[in-house]
């Protein structure tokens, strides 16, 4: 009997005016190659987030969407609220 635990990001979404990045990570437990269970963990990143510890694809997406203009607009919205 061989148990295996796999964690992988299986969904990335860009949402809202400030292009928040929503991430879903799946944790899969397999026995002898057959999936026994799957659980999900979700988190969200705003344009002011430090993404340096995130997987490469999340970092690249943040570079694509989070322009300096968008980051400033987001910071201004926080100050105004």
PDB file of N, CA and C in Angstrom:
ATOM      1  N   UNK A   1       0.856  -1.182   0.000  1.00  0.00           N
ATOM      2  CA  UNK A   1       0.000   0.000   0.000  1.00  0.00           C
ATOM      3  C   UNK A   1       0.896   1.237   0.000  1.00  0.00           C
ATOM      4  N   UNK A   2       0.655   2.101  -0.935  1.00  0.00           N
ATOM      5  CA  UNK A   2       1.433   3.328  -1.071  1.00  0.00           C
ATOM      6  C   UNK A   2       0.502   4.534  -1.009  1.00  0.00           C
ATOM      7  N   UNK A   3       0.693   5.365   0.018  1.00  0.00           N
ATOM      8  CA  UNK A   3      -0.096   6.592   0.137  1.00  0.00           C
ATOM      9  C   UNK A   3       0.698   7.759  -0.411  1.00  0.00           C
ATOM     10  N   UNK A   4       0.000   8.670  -1.073  1.00  0.00           N
ATOM     11  CA  UNK A   4       0.637   9.836  -1.663  1.00  0.00           C
ATOM     12  C   UNK A   4      -0.235  11.062  -1.398  1.00  0.00           C
ATOM     13  N   UNK A   5       0.415  12.141  -0.962  1.00  0.00           N
ATOM     14  CA  UNK A   5      -0.285  13.406  -0.740  1.00  0.00           C
ATOM     15  C   UNK A   5       0.259  14.415  -1.743  1.00  0.00           C
ATOM     16  N   UNK A   6      -0.650  14.990  -2.531  1.00  0.00           N
ATOM     17  CA  UNK A   6      -0.267  15.935  -3.575  1.00  0.00           C
ATOM     18  C   UNK A   6      -0.971  17.263  -3.319  1.00  0.00           C
ATOM     19  N   UNK A   7      -0.206  18.353  -3.341  1.00  0.00           N
ATOM     20  CA  UNK A   7      -0.791  19.693  -3.255  1.00  0.00           C
ATOM     21  C   UNK A   7      -0.515  20.394  -4.574  1.00  0.00           C
ATOM     22  N   UNK A   8      -1.583  20.967  -5.148  1.00  0.00           N
ATOM     23  CA  UNK A   8      -1.381  21.693  -6.399  1.00  0.00           C
ATOM     24  C   UNK A   8      -2.426  22.789  -6.525  1.00  0.00           C
ATOM     25  N   UNK A   9      -2.020  23.868  -7.151  1.00  0.00           N
ATOM     26  CA  UNK A   9      -2.953  24.951  -7.452  1.00  0.00           C
ATOM     27  C   UNK A   9      -3.740  24.513  -8.675  1.00  0.00           C
ATOM     28  N   UNK A  10      -5.056  24.460  -8.512  1.00  0.00           N
ATOM     29  CA  UNK A  10      -5.875  23.979  -9.620  1.00  0.00           C
ATOM     30  C   UNK A  10      -6.799  25.042 -10.197  1.00  0.00           C
ATOM     31  N   UNK A  11      -6.818  26.242  -9.575  1.00  0.00           N
ATOM     32  CA  UNK A  11      -7.645  27.307 -10.133  1.00  0.00           C
ATOM     33  C   UNK A  11      -7.071  28.661  -9.722  1.00  0.00           C
ATOM     34  N   UNK A  12      -6.968  29.561 -10.695  1.00  0.00           N
ATOM     35  CA  UNK A  12      -6.543  30.941 -10.453  1.00  0.00           C
ATOM     36  C   UNK A  12      -7.544  31.839 -11.173  1.00  0.00           C
ATOM     37  N   UNK A  13      -8.103  32.800 -10.428  1.00  0.00           N
ATOM     38  CA  UNK A  13      -9.079  33.714 -11.018  1.00  0.00           C
ATOM     39  C   UNK A  13      -8.663  35.150 -10.733  1.00  0.00           C
ATOM     40  N   UNK A  14      -8.926  36.027 -11.692  1.00  0.00           N
ATOM     41  CA  UNK A  14      -8.701  37.459 -11.548  1.00  0.00           C
ATOM     42  C   UNK A  14     -10.082  38.090 -11.414  1.00  0.00           C
ATOM     43  N   UNK A  15     -10.331  38.782 -10.297  1.00  0.00           N
ATOM     44  CA  UNK A  15     -11.677  39.308 -10.053  1.00  0.00           C
ATOM     45  C   UNK A  15     -11.648  40.758  -9.584  1.00  0.00           C
ATOM     46  N   UNK A  16     -12.702  41.459  -9.916  1.00  0.00           N
ATOM     47  CA  UNK A  16     -12.940  42.794  -9.389  1.00  0.00           C
ATOM     48  C   UNK A  16     -12.177  43.908 -10.079  1.00  0.00           C
ATOM     49  N   UNK A  17     -12.519  45.100  -9.647  1.00  0.00           N
ATOM     50  CA  UNK A  17     -11.940  46.327 -10.199  1.00  0.00           C
ATOM     51  C   UNK A  17     -10.428  46.386 -10.020  1.00  0.00           C
ATOM     52  N   UNK A  18      -9.938  45.843  -8.901  1.00  0.00           N
ATOM     53  CA  UNK A  18      -8.509  45.939  -8.593  1.00  0.00           C
ATOM     54  C   UNK A  18      -7.751  44.657  -8.917  1.00  0.00           C
ATOM     55  N   UNK A  19      -8.360  43.804  -9.699  1.00  0.00           N
ATOM     56  CA  UNK A  19      -7.716  42.586 -10.211  1.00  0.00           C
ATOM     57  C   UNK A  19      -7.139  41.711  -9.088  1.00  0.00           C
ATOM     58  N   UNK A  20      -7.966  41.479  -8.058  1.00  0.00           N
ATOM     59  CA  UNK A  20      -7.542  40.558  -6.998  1.00  0.00           C
ATOM     60  C   UNK A  20      -7.325  39.180  -7.601  1.00  0.00           C
ATOM     61  N   UNK A  21      -6.339  38.488  -7.089  1.00  0.00           N
ATOM     62  CA  UNK A  21      -6.037  37.139  -7.555  1.00  0.00           C
ATOM     63  C   UNK A  21      -6.587  36.158  -6.529  1.00  0.00           C
ATOM     64  N   UNK A  22      -7.511  35.314  -6.962  1.00  0.00           N
ATOM     65  CA  UNK A  22      -8.060  34.282  -6.094  1.00  0.00           C
ATOM     66  C   UNK A  22      -7.438  32.950  -6.494  1.00  0.00           C
ATOM     67  N   UNK A  23      -6.958  32.221  -5.490  1.00  0.00           N
ATOM     68  CA  UNK A  23      -6.233  30.978  -5.731  1.00  0.00           C
ATOM     69  C   UNK A  23      -6.934  29.837  -5.002  1.00  0.00           C
ATOM     70  N   UNK A  24      -7.081  28.713  -5.692  1.00  0.00           N
ATOM     71  CA  UNK A  24      -7.598  27.504  -5.050  1.00  0.00           C
ATOM     72  C   UNK A  24      -6.519  26.435  -5.135  1.00  0.00           C
ATOM     73  N   UNK A  25      -6.181  25.881  -3.990  1.00  0.00           N
ATOM     74  CA  UNK A  25      -5.174  24.824  -3.905  1.00  0.00           C
ATOM     75  C   UNK A  25      -5.863  23.520  -3.500  1.00  0.00           C
ATOM     76  N   UNK A  26      -5.629  22.478  -4.254  1.00  0.00           N
ATOM     77  CA  UNK A  26      -6.208  21.171  -3.959  1.00  0.00           C
ATOM     78  C   UNK A  26      -5.168  20.315  -3.234  1.00  0.00           C
ATOM     79  N   UNK A  27      -5.620  19.601  -2.213  1.00  0.00           N
ATOM     80  CA  UNK A  27      -4.808  18.590  -1.546  1.00  0.00           C
ATOM     81  C   UNK A  27      -5.462  17.251  -1.849  1.00  0.00           C
ATOM     82  N   UNK A  28      -4.703  16.395  -2.518  1.00  0.00           N
ATOM     83  CA  UNK A  28      -5.233  15.118  -2.996  1.00  0.00           C
ATOM     84  C   UNK A  28      -4.498  13.988  -2.278  1.00  0.00           C
ATOM     85  N   UNK A  29      -5.258  13.052  -1.741  1.00  0.00           N
ATOM     86  CA  UNK A  29      -4.692  11.864  -1.116  1.00  0.00           C
ATOM     87  C   UNK A  29      -4.982  10.681  -2.037  1.00  0.00           C
ATOM     88  N   UNK A  30      -3.902   9.954  -2.396  1.00  0.00           N
ATOM     89  CA  UNK A  30      -4.044   8.793  -3.270  1.00  0.00           C
ATOM     90  C   UNK A  30      -3.454   7.562  -2.578  1.00  0.00           C
ATOM     91  N   UNK A  31      -4.086   6.421  -2.858  1.00  0.00           N
ATOM     92  CA  UNK A  31      -3.557   5.137  -2.408  1.00  0.00           C
ATOM     93  C   UNK A  31      -3.375   4.264  -3.631  1.00  0.00           C
ATOM     94  N   UNK A  32      -2.148   3.865  -3.865  1.00  0.00           N
ATOM     95  CA  UNK A  32      -1.813   3.057  -5.040  1.00  0.00           C
ATOM     96  C   UNK A  32      -2.341   3.686  -6.334  1.00  0.00           C
ATOM     97  N   UNK A  33      -2.240   5.015  -6.421  1.00  0.00           N
ATOM     98  CA  UNK A  33      -2.644   5.743  -7.620  1.00  0.00           C
ATOM     99  C   UNK A  33      -4.129   6.057  -7.715  1.00  0.00           C
ATOM    100  N   UNK A  34      -4.921   5.587  -6.751  1.00  0.00           N
ATOM    101  CA  UNK A  34      -6.367   5.833  -6.761  1.00  0.00           C
ATOM    102  C   UNK A  34      -6.683   6.955  -5.780  1.00  0.00           C
ATOM    103  N   UNK A  35      -7.380   7.979  -6.259  1.00  0.00           N
ATOM    104  CA  UNK A  35      -7.717   9.116  -5.398  1.00  0.00           C
ATOM    105  C   UNK A  35      -8.704   8.702  -4.313  1.00  0.00           C
ATOM    106  N   UNK A  36      -8.331   8.979  -3.056  1.00  0.00           N
ATOM    107  CA  UNK A  36      -9.195   8.686  -1.919  1.00  0.00           C
ATOM    108  C   UNK A  36      -9.959   9.918  -1.452  1.00  0.00           C
ATOM    109  N   UNK A  37      -9.282  11.069  -1.504  1.00  0.00           N
ATOM    110  CA  UNK A  37      -9.941  12.301  -1.063  1.00  0.00           C
ATOM    111  C   UNK A  37      -9.309  13.508  -1.738  1.00  0.00           C
ATOM    112  N   UNK A  38     -10.091  14.580  -1.712  1.00  0.00           N
ATOM    113  CA  UNK A  38      -9.635  15.853  -2.271  1.00  0.00           C
ATOM    114  C   UNK A  38     -10.244  16.952  -1.409  1.00  0.00           C
ATOM    115  N   UNK A  39      -9.395  17.860  -0.965  1.00  0.00           N
ATOM    116  CA  UNK A  39      -9.847  19.000  -0.160  1.00  0.00           C
ATOM    117  C   UNK A  39      -9.283  20.266  -0.778  1.00  0.00           C
ATOM    118  N   UNK A  40      -9.956  21.394  -0.502  1.00  0.00           N
ATOM    119  CA  UNK A  40      -9.551  22.653  -1.112  1.00  0.00           C
ATOM    120  C   UNK A  40      -9.243  23.703  -0.051  1.00  0.00           C
ATOM    121  N   UNK A  41      -8.267  24.528  -0.355  1.00  0.00           N
ATOM    122  CA  UNK A  41      -7.928  25.701   0.448  1.00  0.00           C
ATOM    123  C   UNK A  41      -7.917  26.874  -0.528  1.00  0.00           C
ATOM    124  N   UNK A  42      -8.562  27.967  -0.139  1.00  0.00           N
ATOM    125  CA  UNK A  42      -8.621  29.147  -1.011  1.00  0.00           C
ATOM    126  C   UNK A  42      -8.019  30.351  -0.308  1.00  0.00           C
ATOM    127  N   UNK A  43      -7.418  31.208  -1.102  1.00  0.00           N
ATOM    128  CA  UNK A  43      -6.942  32.481  -0.576  1.00  0.00           C
ATOM    129  C   UNK A  43      -6.962  33.524  -1.680  1.00  0.00           C
ATOM    130  N   UNK A  44      -6.912  34.782  -1.251  1.00  0.00           N
ATOM    131  CA  UNK A  44      -7.017  35.899  -2.185  1.00  0.00           C
ATOM    132  C   UNK A  44      -5.851  36.846  -1.965  1.00  0.00           C
ATOM    133  N   UNK A  45      -5.351  37.420  -3.042  1.00  0.00           N
ATOM    134  CA  UNK A  45      -4.245  38.380  -2.988  1.00  0.00           C
ATOM    135  C   UNK A  45      -4.695  39.702  -3.599  1.00  0.00           C
ATOM    136  N   UNK A  46      -4.438  40.784  -2.885  1.00  0.00           N
ATOM    137  CA  UNK A  46      -4.755  42.134  -3.356  1.00  0.00           C
ATOM    138  C   UNK A  46      -3.508  42.763  -3.963  1.00  0.00           C
ATOM    139  N   UNK A  47      -3.675  43.849  -4.732  1.00  0.00           N
ATOM    140  CA  UNK A  47      -2.531  44.475  -5.400  1.00  0.00           C
ATOM    141  C   UNK A  47      -1.417  44.959  -4.467  1.00  0.00           C
ATOM    142  N   UNK A  48      -1.686  45.073  -3.161  1.00  0.00           N
ATOM    143  CA  UNK A  48      -0.633  45.490  -2.233  1.00  0.00           C
ATOM    144  C   UNK A  48       0.066  44.288  -1.581  1.00  0.00           C
ATOM    145  N   UNK A  49      -0.255  43.068  -2.028  1.00  0.00           N
ATOM    146  CA  UNK A  49       0.316  41.857  -1.434  1.00  0.00           C
ATOM    147  C   UNK A  49       1.754  41.633  -1.886  1.00  0.00           C
ATOM    148  N   UNK A  50       2.547  41.033  -0.996  1.00  0.00           N
ATOM    149  CA  UNK A  50       3.901  40.592  -1.330  1.00  0.00           C
ATOM    150  C   UNK A  50       3.773  39.184  -1.912  1.00  0.00           C
ATOM    151  N   UNK A  51       4.033  39.037  -3.185  1.00  0.00           N
ATOM    152  CA  UNK A  51       3.872  37.745  -3.845  1.00  0.00           C
ATOM    153  C   UNK A  51       5.197  37.006  -4.014  1.00  0.00           C
ATOM    154  N   UNK A  52       6.243  37.497  -3.392  1.00  0.00           N
ATOM    155  CA  UNK A  52       7.567  36.898  -3.584  1.00  0.00           C
ATOM    156  C   UNK A  52       7.623  35.427  -3.145  1.00  0.00           C
ATOM    157  N   UNK A  53       6.786  35.021  -2.208  1.00  0.00           N
ATOM    158  CA  UNK A  53       6.779  33.634  -1.756  1.00  0.00           C
ATOM    159  C   UNK A  53       5.770  32.756  -2.473  1.00  0.00           C
ATOM    160  N   UNK A  54       5.097  33.304  -3.457  1.00  0.00           N
ATOM    161  CA  UNK A  54       4.072  32.572  -4.195  1.00  0.00           C
ATOM    162  C   UNK A  54       4.703  31.773  -5.344  1.00  0.00           C
ATOM    163  N   UNK A  55       3.973  30.775  -5.849  1.00  0.00           N
ATOM    164  CA  UNK A  55       4.463  30.041  -7.025  1.00  0.00           C
ATOM    165  C   UNK A  55       4.677  30.978  -8.216  1.00  0.00           C
ATOM    166  N   UNK A  56       5.524  30.575  -9.120  1.00  0.00           N
ATOM    167  CA  UNK A  56       5.917  31.393 -10.266  1.00  0.00           C
ATOM    168  C   UNK A  56       4.727  31.886 -11.076  1.00  0.00           C
ATOM    169  N   UNK A  57       3.739  31.040 -11.305  1.00  0.00           N
ATOM    170  CA  UNK A  57       2.606  31.475 -12.132  1.00  0.00           C
ATOM    171  C   UNK A  57       1.809  32.591 -11.459  1.00  0.00           C
ATOM    172  N   UNK A  58       1.717  32.576 -10.133  1.00  0.00           N
ATOM    173  CA  UNK A  58       1.026  33.650  -9.416  1.00  0.00           C
ATOM    174  C   UNK A  58       1.830  34.951  -9.538  1.00  0.00           C
ATOM    175  N   UNK A  59       3.136  34.855  -9.406  1.00  0.00           N
ATOM    176  CA  UNK A  59       3.994  36.036  -9.536  1.00  0.00           C
ATOM    177  C   UNK A  59       3.859  36.636 -10.932  1.00  0.00           C
ATOM    178  N   UNK A  60       3.876  35.796 -11.948  1.00  0.00           N
ATOM    179  CA  UNK A  60       3.762  36.277 -13.327  1.00  0.00           C
ATOM    180  C   UNK A  60       2.404  36.920 -13.597  1.00  0.00           C
ATOM    181  N   UNK A  61       1.354  36.352 -13.059  1.00  0.00           N
ATOM    182  CA  UNK A  61       0.020  36.934 -13.226  1.00  0.00           C
ATOM    183  C   UNK A  61      -0.045  38.297 -12.545  1.00  0.00           C
ATOM    184  N   UNK A  62       0.543  38.401 -11.358  1.00  0.00           N
ATOM    185  CA  UNK A  62       0.526  39.693 -10.652  1.00  0.00           C
ATOM    186  C   UNK A  62       1.287  40.755 -11.445  1.00  0.00           C
ATOM    187  N   UNK A  63       2.380  40.388 -12.071  1.00  0.00           N
ATOM    188  CA  UNK A  63       3.135  41.340 -12.892  1.00  0.00           C
ATOM    189  C   UNK A  63       2.318  41.804 -14.098  1.00  0.00           C
ATOM    190  N   UNK A  64       1.544  40.892 -14.642  1.00  0.00           N
ATOM    191  CA  UNK A  64       0.740  41.189 -15.820  1.00  0.00           C
ATOM    192  C   UNK A  64      -0.408  42.149 -15.492  1.00  0.00           C
ATOM    193  N   UNK A  65      -1.105  41.892 -14.391  1.00  0.00           N
ATOM    194  CA  UNK A  65      -2.310  42.664 -14.070  1.00  0.00           C
ATOM    195  C   UNK A  65      -2.060  43.852 -13.149  1.00  0.00           C
ATOM    196  N   UNK A  66      -1.137  43.732 -12.223  1.00  0.00           N
ATOM    197  CA  UNK A  66      -0.941  44.774 -11.207  1.00  0.00           C
ATOM    198  C   UNK A  66       0.071  45.819 -11.673  1.00  0.00           C
ATOM    199  N   UNK A  67      -0.378  46.665 -12.545  1.00  0.00           N
ATOM    200  CA  UNK A  67       0.463  47.760 -13.025  1.00  0.00           C
ATOM    201  C   UNK A  67       0.656  48.777 -11.898  1.00  0.00           C
ATOM    202  N   UNK A  68       1.631  49.655 -12.050  1.00  0.00           N
ATOM    203  CA  UNK A  68       1.844  50.707 -11.051  1.00  0.00           C
ATOM    204  C   UNK A  68       0.602  51.591 -10.931  1.00  0.00           C
ATOM    205  N   UNK A  69      -0.047  51.842 -12.042  1.00  0.00           N
ATOM    206  CA  UNK A  69      -1.276  52.651 -12.038  1.00  0.00           C
ATOM    207  C   UNK A  69      -2.378  51.971 -11.218  1.00  0.00           C
ATOM    208  N   UNK A  70      -2.559  50.660 -11.416  1.00  0.00           N
ATOM    209  CA  UNK A  70      -3.585  49.918 -10.674  1.00  0.00           C
ATOM    210  C   UNK A  70      -3.243  49.877  -9.178  1.00  0.00           C
ATOM    211  N   UNK A  71      -1.982  49.659  -8.858  1.00  0.00           N
ATOM    212  CA  UNK A  71      -1.564  49.632  -7.449  1.00  0.00           C
ATOM    213  C   UNK A  71      -1.848  50.971  -6.774  1.00  0.00           C
ATOM    214  N   UNK A  72      -1.593  52.072  -7.480  1.00  0.00           N
ATOM    215  CA  UNK A  72      -1.858  53.393  -6.915  1.00  0.00           C
ATOM    216  C   UNK A  72      -3.355  53.623  -6.738  1.00  0.00           C
ATOM    217  N   UNK A  73      -4.124  53.210  -7.724  1.00  0.00           N
ATOM    218  CA  UNK A  73      -5.576  53.338  -7.639  1.00  0.00           C
ATOM    219  C   UNK A  73      -6.115  52.534  -6.451  1.00  0.00           C
ATOM    220  N   UNK A  74      -5.579  51.356  -6.226  1.00  0.00           N
ATOM    221  CA  UNK A  74      -5.988  50.523  -5.099  1.00  0.00           C
ATOM    222  C   UNK A  74      -5.602  51.191  -3.778  1.00  0.00           C
ATOM    223  N   UNK A  75      -4.380  51.707  -3.680  1.00  0.00           N
ATOM    224  CA  UNK A  75      -3.926  52.393  -2.466  1.00  0.00           C
ATOM    225  C   UNK A  75      -4.805  53.611  -2.174  1.00  0.00           C
ATOM    226  N   UNK A  76      -5.148  54.362  -3.212  1.00  0.00           N
ATOM    227  CA  UNK A  76      -6.023  55.522  -3.043  1.00  0.00           C
ATOM    228  C   UNK A  76      -7.397  55.109  -2.524  1.00  0.00           C
ATOM    229  N   UNK A  77      -7.903  53.982  -3.010  1.00  0.00           N
ATOM    230  CA  UNK A  77      -9.225  53.522  -2.559  1.00  0.00           C
ATOM    231  C   UNK A  77      -9.194  53.139  -1.079  1.00  0.00           C
ATOM    232  N   UNK A  78      -8.069  52.595  -0.624  1.00  0.00           N
ATOM    233  CA  UNK A  78      -7.940  52.232   0.798  1.00  0.00           C
ATOM    234  C   UNK A  78      -7.909  53.482   1.670  1.00  0.00           C
ATOM    235  N   UNK A  79      -7.222  54.503   1.203  1.00  0.00           N
ATOM    236  CA  UNK A  79      -7.138  55.763   1.955  1.00  0.00           C
ATOM    237  C   UNK A  79      -8.501  56.461   2.029  1.00  0.00           C
ATOM    238  N   UNK A  80      -9.275  56.357   0.959  1.00  0.00           N
ATOM    239  CA  UNK A  80     -10.570  57.026   0.902  1.00  0.00           C
ATOM    240  C   UNK A  80     -11.656  56.300   1.690  1.00  0.00           C
ATOM    241  N   UNK A  81     -11.420  55.069   2.014  1.00  0.00           N
ATOM    242  CA  UNK A  81     -12.418  54.294   2.764  1.00  0.00           C
ATOM    243  C   UNK A  81     -11.980  54.226   4.157  1.00  0.00           C
TER     244      UNK A  81
END
